[in-house]
Amino acid sequence: MLPKRAWSLPSSRSPWVLDGGDDVVPIPGTKRRSYLEQNAAAAQIELTDDEREGLDAAFPVGAAAGDRYPDMFTVNR
């Protein structure tokens, strides 16, 4: 079960990543000041046990895999 708070999915990432330990630091990218402010505010969110379990179940370790961008080998040829 994912958290029921009124936050965007990107805003839920930072507290979840920060909850992973003191040696983990999220590096969000953004183009807009409003998104930067949302990312900064997310550092103040403390997850409940249910929220943490829901996010862990939805996004297990190893779920994200592969290249970030498609193969660009043929571009500009």
PDB file of N, CA and C in Angstrom:
ATOM      1  N   MET A   1       0.839  -1.172   0.000  1.00  0.00           N
ATOM      2  CA  MET A   1       0.000   0.000   0.000  1.00  0.00           C
ATOM      3  C   MET A   1       0.889   1.242   0.000  1.00  0.00           C
ATOM      4  N   LEU A   2       0.653   2.118  -0.942  1.00  0.00           N
ATOM      5  CA  LEU A   2       1.434   3.349  -1.011  1.00  0.00           C
ATOM      6  C   LEU A   2       0.871   4.389  -0.045  1.00  0.00           C
ATOM      7  N   PRO A   3       1.704   5.322   0.369  1.00  0.00           N
ATOM      8  CA  PRO A   3       1.245   6.353   1.301  1.00  0.00           C
ATOM      9  C   PRO A   3       0.037   7.114   0.760  1.00  0.00           C
ATOM     10  N   LYS A   4      -0.831   7.539   1.660  1.00  0.00           N
ATOM     11  CA  LYS A   4      -2.050   8.257   1.289  1.00  0.00           C
ATOM     12  C   LYS A   4      -1.893   9.770   1.453  1.00  0.00           C
ATOM     13  N   ARG A   5      -0.711  10.252   1.717  1.00  0.00           N
ATOM     14  CA  ARG A   5      -0.505  11.685   1.900  1.00  0.00           C
ATOM     15  C   ARG A   5      -0.710  12.427   0.585  1.00  0.00           C
ATOM     16  N   ALA A   6      -0.926  13.711   0.690  1.00  0.00           N
ATOM     17  CA  ALA A   6      -1.126  14.553  -0.490  1.00  0.00           C
ATOM     18  C   ALA A   6       0.235  15.033  -0.990  1.00  0.00           C
ATOM     19  N   TRP A   7       1.014  14.134  -1.552  1.00  0.00           N
ATOM     20  CA  TRP A   7       2.305  14.489  -2.101  1.00  0.00           C
ATOM     21  C   TRP A   7       2.450  13.847  -3.461  1.00  0.00           C
ATOM     22  N   SER A   8       3.324  14.398  -4.244  1.00  0.00           N
ATOM     23  CA  SER A   8       3.565  13.822  -5.566  1.00  0.00           C
ATOM     24  C   SER A   8       4.502  12.634  -5.419  1.00  0.00           C
ATOM     25  N   LEU A   9       4.512  11.771  -6.409  1.00  0.00           N
ATOM     26  CA  LEU A   9       5.413  10.626  -6.363  1.00  0.00           C
ATOM     27  C   LEU A   9       6.867  11.067  -6.228  1.00  0.00           C
ATOM     28  N   PRO A  10       7.317  12.070  -6.995  1.00  0.00           N
ATOM     29  CA  PRO A  10       8.705  12.513  -6.793  1.00  0.00           C
ATOM     30  C   PRO A  10       8.977  12.999  -5.369  1.00  0.00           C
ATOM     31  N   SER A  11       7.995  13.630  -4.749  1.00  0.00           N
ATOM     32  CA  SER A  11       8.194  14.113  -3.383  1.00  0.00           C
ATOM     33  C   SER A  11       8.275  12.973  -2.387  1.00  0.00           C
ATOM     34  N   SER A  12       7.703  11.823  -2.715  1.00  0.00           N
ATOM     35  CA  SER A  12       7.768  10.684  -1.800  1.00  0.00           C
ATOM     36  C   SER A  12       9.109   9.969  -1.886  1.00  0.00           C
ATOM     37  N   ARG A  13       9.832  10.175  -2.979  1.00  0.00           N
ATOM     38  CA  ARG A  13      11.131   9.500  -3.125  1.00  0.00           C
ATOM     39  C   ARG A  13      12.135   9.939  -2.090  1.00  0.00           C
ATOM     40  N   SER A  14      12.274  11.249  -1.906  1.00  0.00           N
ATOM     41  CA  SER A  14      13.325  11.758  -1.029  1.00  0.00           C
ATOM     42  C   SER A  14      13.217  11.250   0.402  1.00  0.00           C
ATOM     43  N   PRO A  15      12.025  11.330   1.038  1.00  0.00           N
ATOM     44  CA  PRO A  15      11.965  10.806   2.403  1.00  0.00           C
ATOM     45  C   PRO A  15      12.255   9.311   2.463  1.00  0.00           C
ATOM     46  N   TRP A  16      11.833   8.586   1.427  1.00  0.00           N
ATOM     47  CA  TRP A  16      12.061   7.141   1.410  1.00  0.00           C
ATOM     48  C   TRP A  16      13.551   6.844   1.252  1.00  0.00           C
ATOM     49  N   VAL A  17      14.215   7.560   0.356  1.00  0.00           N
ATOM     50  CA  VAL A  17      15.657   7.358   0.163  1.00  0.00           C
ATOM     51  C   VAL A  17      16.411   7.781   1.411  1.00  0.00           C
ATOM     52  N   LEU A  18      16.060   8.936   1.981  1.00  0.00           N
ATOM     53  CA  LEU A  18      16.716   9.410   3.197  1.00  0.00           C
ATOM     54  C   LEU A  18      16.529   8.436   4.352  1.00  0.00           C
ATOM     55  N   ASP A  19      15.403   7.746   4.363  1.00  0.00           N
ATOM     56  CA  ASP A  19      15.120   6.775   5.416  1.00  0.00           C
ATOM     57  C   ASP A  19      16.027   5.544   5.312  1.00  0.00           C
ATOM     58  N   GLY A  20      16.728   5.420   4.177  1.00  0.00           N
ATOM     59  CA  GLY A  20      17.598   4.272   3.963  1.00  0.00           C
ATOM     60  C   GLY A  20      18.867   4.285   4.793  1.00  0.00           C
ATOM     61  N   GLY A  21      19.206   5.396   5.414  1.00  0.00           N
ATOM     62  CA  GLY A  21      20.384   5.458   6.263  1.00  0.00           C
ATOM     63  C   GLY A  21      21.135   6.763   6.094  1.00  0.00           C
ATOM     64  N   ASP A  22      22.064   6.983   6.987  1.00  0.00           N
ATOM     65  CA  ASP A  22      22.846   8.218   6.970  1.00  0.00           C
ATOM     66  C   ASP A  22      23.841   8.275   5.819  1.00  0.00           C
ATOM     67  N   ASP A  23      24.110   7.141   5.191  1.00  0.00           N
ATOM     68  CA  ASP A  23      25.080   7.110   4.100  1.00  0.00           C
ATOM     69  C   ASP A  23      24.417   7.181   2.725  1.00  0.00           C
ATOM     70  N   VAL A  24      23.119   7.500   2.694  1.00  0.00           N
ATOM     71  CA  VAL A  24      22.369   7.581   1.445  1.00  0.00           C
ATOM     72  C   VAL A  24      21.908   9.020   1.246  1.00  0.00           C
ATOM     73  N   VAL A  25      22.173   9.556   0.054  1.00  0.00           N
ATOM     74  CA  VAL A  25      21.798  10.937  -0.234  1.00  0.00           C
ATOM     75  C   VAL A  25      21.085  11.001  -1.583  1.00  0.00           C
ATOM     76  N   PRO A  26      19.816  11.433  -1.597  1.00  0.00           N
ATOM     77  CA  PRO A  26      19.136  11.586  -2.883  1.00  0.00           C
ATOM     78  C   PRO A  26      19.681  12.807  -3.617  1.00  0.00           C
ATOM     79  N   ILE A  27      19.779  12.713  -4.918  1.00  0.00           N
ATOM     80  CA  ILE A  27      20.238  13.841  -5.733  1.00  0.00           C
ATOM     81  C   ILE A  27      19.155  14.110  -6.774  1.00  0.00           C
ATOM     82  N   PRO A  28      18.125  14.860  -6.377  1.00  0.00           N
ATOM     83  CA  PRO A  28      17.048  15.133  -7.334  1.00  0.00           C
ATOM     84  C   PRO A  28      17.461  16.203  -8.329  1.00  0.00           C
ATOM     85  N   GLY A  29      17.055  16.032  -9.551  1.00  0.00           N
ATOM     86  CA  GLY A  29      17.297  17.048 -10.567  1.00  0.00           C
ATOM     87  C   GLY A  29      16.005  17.808 -10.814  1.00  0.00           C
ATOM     88  N   THR A  30      16.122  19.053 -11.190  1.00  0.00           N
ATOM     89  CA  THR A  30      14.919  19.842 -11.443  1.00  0.00           C
ATOM     90  C   THR A  30      15.225  21.028 -12.340  1.00  0.00           C
ATOM     91  N   LYS A  31      14.201  21.488 -13.026  1.00  0.00           N
ATOM     92  CA  LYS A  31      14.325  22.671 -13.869  1.00  0.00           C
ATOM     93  C   LYS A  31      13.617  23.869 -13.245  1.00  0.00           C
ATOM     94  N   ARG A  32      12.720  23.614 -12.336  1.00  0.00           N
ATOM     95  CA  ARG A  32      11.876  24.685 -11.813  1.00  0.00           C
ATOM     96  C   ARG A  32      12.099  24.907 -10.320  1.00  0.00           C
ATOM     97  N   ARG A  33      12.021  26.170  -9.934  1.00  0.00           N
ATOM     98  CA  ARG A  33      12.219  26.525  -8.531  1.00  0.00           C
ATOM     99  C   ARG A  33      11.180  25.838  -7.637  1.00  0.00           C
ATOM    100  N   SER A  34       9.932  25.752  -8.103  1.00  0.00           N
ATOM    101  CA  SER A  34       8.885  25.129  -7.288  1.00  0.00           C
ATOM    102  C   SER A  34       9.223  23.664  -6.996  1.00  0.00           C
ATOM    103  N   TYR A  35       9.811  22.969  -7.962  1.00  0.00           N
ATOM    104  CA  TYR A  35      10.206  21.579  -7.738  1.00  0.00           C
ATOM    105  C   TYR A  35      11.371  21.502  -6.763  1.00  0.00           C
ATOM    106  N   LEU A  36      12.288  22.432  -6.855  1.00  0.00           N
ATOM    107  CA  LEU A  36      13.401  22.487  -5.914  1.00  0.00           C
ATOM    108  C   LEU A  36      12.882  22.667  -4.493  1.00  0.00           C
ATOM    109  N   GLU A  37      11.902  23.556  -4.339  1.00  0.00           N
ATOM    110  CA  GLU A  37      11.317  23.789  -3.019  1.00  0.00           C
ATOM    111  C   GLU A  37      10.607  22.541  -2.505  1.00  0.00           C
ATOM    112  N   GLN A  38       9.906  21.819  -3.380  1.00  0.00           N
ATOM    113  CA  GLN A  38       9.258  20.565  -2.988  1.00  0.00           C
ATOM    114  C   GLN A  38      10.300  19.540  -2.550  1.00  0.00           C
ATOM    115  N   ASN A  39      11.390  19.443  -3.303  1.00  0.00           N
ATOM    116  CA  ASN A  39      12.444  18.487  -2.965  1.00  0.00           C
ATOM    117  C   ASN A  39      13.068  18.814  -1.616  1.00  0.00           C
ATOM    118  N   ALA A  40      13.310  20.099  -1.356  1.00  0.00           N
ATOM    119  CA  ALA A  40      13.899  20.503  -0.086  1.00  0.00           C
ATOM    120  C   ALA A  40      12.940  20.227   1.067  1.00  0.00           C
ATOM    121  N   ALA A  41      11.663  20.508   0.870  1.00  0.00           N
ATOM    122  CA  ALA A  41      10.670  20.278   1.918  1.00  0.00           C
ATOM    123  C   ALA A  41      10.514  18.792   2.219  1.00  0.00           C
ATOM    124  N   ALA A  42      10.730  17.957   1.231  1.00  0.00           N
ATOM    125  CA  ALA A  42      10.581  16.510   1.421  1.00  0.00           C
ATOM    126  C   ALA A  42      11.570  15.965   2.442  1.00  0.00           C
ATOM    127  N   ALA A  43      12.674  16.643   2.636  1.00  0.00           N
ATOM    128  CA  ALA A  43      13.669  16.193   3.614  1.00  0.00           C
ATOM    129  C   ALA A  43      13.127  16.275   5.041  1.00  0.00           C
ATOM    130  N   GLN A  44      12.074  17.056   5.254  1.00  0.00           N
ATOM    131  CA  GLN A  44      11.489  17.200   6.589  1.00  0.00           C
ATOM    132  C   GLN A  44      10.408  16.155   6.884  1.00  0.00           C
ATOM    133  N   ILE A  45      10.032  15.367   5.880  1.00  0.00           N
ATOM    134  CA  ILE A  45       8.972  14.371   6.047  1.00  0.00           C
ATOM    135  C   ILE A  45       9.528  13.135   6.735  1.00  0.00           C
ATOM    136  N   GLU A  46       8.820  12.681   7.759  1.00  0.00           N
ATOM    137  CA  GLU A  46       9.176  11.423   8.414  1.00  0.00           C
ATOM    138  C   GLU A  46       8.117  10.391   8.054  1.00  0.00           C
ATOM    139  N   LEU A  47       8.551   9.273   7.532  1.00  0.00           N
ATOM    140  CA  LEU A  47       7.628   8.215   7.119  1.00  0.00           C
ATOM    141  C   LEU A  47       7.158   7.399   8.308  1.00  0.00           C
ATOM    142  N   THR A  48       5.911   6.971   8.251  1.00  0.00           N
ATOM    143  CA  THR A  48       5.417   6.024   9.240  1.00  0.00           C
ATOM    144  C   THR A  48       5.901   4.632   8.833  1.00  0.00           C
ATOM    145  N   ASP A  49       5.775   3.680   9.737  1.00  0.00           N
ATOM    146  CA  ASP A  49       6.174   2.304   9.402  1.00  0.00           C
ATOM    147  C   ASP A  49       5.352   1.766   8.233  1.00  0.00           C
ATOM    148  N   ASP A  50       4.057   2.063   8.214  1.00  0.00           N
ATOM    149  CA  ASP A  50       3.192   1.593   7.120  1.00  0.00           C
ATOM    150  C   ASP A  50       3.599   2.208   5.785  1.00  0.00           C
ATOM    151  N   GLU A  51       3.927   3.495   5.788  1.00  0.00           N
ATOM    152  CA  GLU A  51       4.355   4.159   4.553  1.00  0.00           C
ATOM    153  C   GLU A  51       5.666   3.554   4.045  1.00  0.00           C
ATOM    154  N   ARG A  52       6.595   3.329   4.941  1.00  0.00           N
ATOM    155  CA  ARG A  52       7.885   2.749   4.566  1.00  0.00           C
ATOM    156  C   ARG A  52       7.692   1.353   3.979  1.00  0.00           C
ATOM    157  N   GLU A  53       6.870   0.542   4.645  1.00  0.00           N
ATOM    158  CA  GLU A  53       6.608  -0.814   4.162  1.00  0.00           C
ATOM    159  C   GLU A  53       5.925  -0.796   2.797  1.00  0.00           C
ATOM    160  N   GLY A  54       4.985   0.134   2.609  1.00  0.00           N
ATOM    161  CA  GLY A  54       4.300   0.244   1.323  1.00  0.00           C
ATOM    162  C   GLY A  54       5.242   0.625   0.196  1.00  0.00           C
ATOM    163  N   LEU A  55       6.112   1.589   0.456  1.00  0.00           N
ATOM    164  CA  LEU A  55       7.087   1.998  -0.563  1.00  0.00           C
ATOM    165  C   LEU A  55       8.097   0.897  -0.832  1.00  0.00           C
ATOM    166  N   ASP A  56       8.544   0.202   0.225  1.00  0.00           N
ATOM    167  CA  ASP A  56       9.485  -0.909   0.041  1.00  0.00           C
ATOM    168  C   ASP A  56       8.866  -2.021  -0.809  1.00  0.00           C
ATOM    169  N   ALA A  57       7.580  -2.293  -0.591  1.00  0.00           N
ATOM    170  CA  ALA A  57       6.903  -3.342  -1.357  1.00  0.00           C
ATOM    171  C   ALA A  57       6.681  -2.918  -2.810  1.00  0.00           C
ATOM    172  N   ALA A  58       6.364  -1.643  -3.015  1.00  0.00           N
ATOM    173  CA  ALA A  58       6.099  -1.151  -4.368  1.00  0.00           C
ATOM    174  C   ALA A  58       7.372  -1.037  -5.195  1.00  0.00           C
ATOM    175  N   PHE A  59       8.491  -0.742  -4.528  1.00  0.00           N
ATOM    176  CA  PHE A  59       9.755  -0.521  -5.225  1.00  0.00           C
ATOM    177  C   PHE A  59      10.866  -1.327  -4.555  1.00  0.00           C
ATOM    178  N   PRO A  60      10.860  -2.656  -4.722  1.00  0.00           N
ATOM    179  CA  PRO A  60      11.873  -3.478  -4.063  1.00  0.00           C
ATOM    180  C   PRO A  60      13.270  -3.218  -4.639  1.00  0.00           C
ATOM    181  N   VAL A  61      14.270  -3.551  -3.848  1.00  0.00           N
ATOM    182  CA  VAL A  61      15.658  -3.410  -4.296  1.00  0.00           C
ATOM    183  C   VAL A  61      15.837  -4.183  -5.593  1.00  0.00           C
ATOM    184  N   GLY A  62      16.438  -3.542  -6.585  1.00  0.00           N
ATOM    185  CA  GLY A  62      16.684  -4.179  -7.867  1.00  0.00           C
ATOM    186  C   GLY A  62      15.572  -3.966  -8.884  1.00  0.00           C
ATOM    187  N   ALA A  63      14.473  -3.313  -8.479  1.00  0.00           N
ATOM    188  CA  ALA A  63      13.360  -3.091  -9.404  1.00  0.00           C
ATOM    189  C   ALA A  63      13.741  -2.141 -10.528  1.00  0.00           C
ATOM    190  N   ALA A  64      14.579  -1.176 -10.229  1.00  0.00           N
ATOM    191  CA  ALA A  64      15.042  -0.235 -11.257  1.00  0.00           C
ATOM    192  C   ALA A  64      16.317  -0.803 -11.862  1.00  0.00           C
ATOM    193  N   ALA A  65      16.268  -1.062 -13.145  1.00  0.00           N
ATOM    194  CA  ALA A  65      17.430  -1.649 -13.805  1.00  0.00           C
ATOM    195  C   ALA A  65      17.485  -1.167 -15.248  1.00  0.00           C
ATOM    196  N   GLY A  66      18.663  -1.169 -15.797  1.00  0.00           N
ATOM    197  CA  GLY A  66      18.820  -0.800 -17.193  1.00  0.00           C
ATOM    198  C   GLY A  66      19.335   0.610 -17.364  1.00  0.00           C
ATOM    199  N   ASP A  67      19.461   0.989 -18.618  1.00  0.00           N
ATOM    200  CA  ASP A  67      19.977   2.314 -18.936  1.00  0.00           C
ATOM    201  C   ASP A  67      18.931   3.380 -18.661  1.00  0.00           C
ATOM    202  N   ARG A  68      19.392   4.566 -18.327  1.00  0.00           N
ATOM    203  CA  ARG A  68      18.474   5.677 -18.107  1.00  0.00           C
ATOM    204  C   ARG A  68      17.915   6.182 -19.428  1.00  0.00           C
ATOM    205  N   TYR A  69      18.751   6.231 -20.431  1.00  0.00           N
ATOM    206  CA  TYR A  69      18.358   6.720 -21.748  1.00  0.00           C
ATOM    207  C   TYR A  69      18.530   5.612 -22.776  1.00  0.00           C
ATOM    208  N   PRO A  70      17.763   5.664 -23.862  1.00  0.00           N
ATOM    209  CA  PRO A  70      17.935   4.660 -24.918  1.00  0.00           C
ATOM    210  C   PRO A  70      19.310   4.805 -25.576  1.00  0.00           C
ATOM    211  N   ASP A  71      19.687   3.786 -26.278  1.00  0.00           N
ATOM    212  CA  ASP A  71      20.978   3.793 -26.975  1.00  0.00           C
ATOM    213  C   ASP A  71      21.030   4.958 -27.952  1.00  0.00           C
ATOM    214  N   MET A  72      21.997   5.829 -27.793  1.00  0.00           N
ATOM    215  CA  MET A  72      22.130   7.015 -28.637  1.00  0.00           C
ATOM    216  C   MET A  72      23.217   6.822 -29.703  1.00  0.00           C
ATOM    217  N   PHE A  73      23.631   5.596 -29.918  1.00  0.00           N
ATOM    218  CA  PHE A  73      24.727   5.296 -30.825  1.00  0.00           C
ATOM    219  C   PHE A  73      24.467   5.817 -32.237  1.00  0.00           C
ATOM    220  N   THR A  74      23.216   5.743 -32.689  1.00  0.00           N
ATOM    221  CA  THR A  74      22.913   6.108 -34.075  1.00  0.00           C
ATOM    222  C   THR A  74      22.620   7.604 -34.260  1.00  0.00           C
ATOM    223  N   VAL A  75      22.614   8.367 -33.200  1.00  0.00           N
ATOM    224  CA  VAL A  75      22.334   9.806 -33.314  1.00  0.00           C
ATOM    225  C   VAL A  75      23.520  10.517 -33.938  1.00  0.00           C
ATOM    226  N   ASN A  76      23.214  11.473 -34.807  1.00  0.00           N
ATOM    227  CA  ASN A  76      24.248  12.301 -35.471  1.00  0.00           C
ATOM    228  C   ASN A  76      25.198  11.475 -36.345  1.00  0.00           C
ATOM    229  N   ARG A  77      24.684  10.494 -37.014  1.00  0.00           N
ATOM    230  CA  ARG A  77      25.534   9.679 -37.894  1.00  0.00           C
ATOM    231  C   ARG A  77      25.324  10.075 -39.309  1.00  0.00           C
TER     232      ARG A  77
END
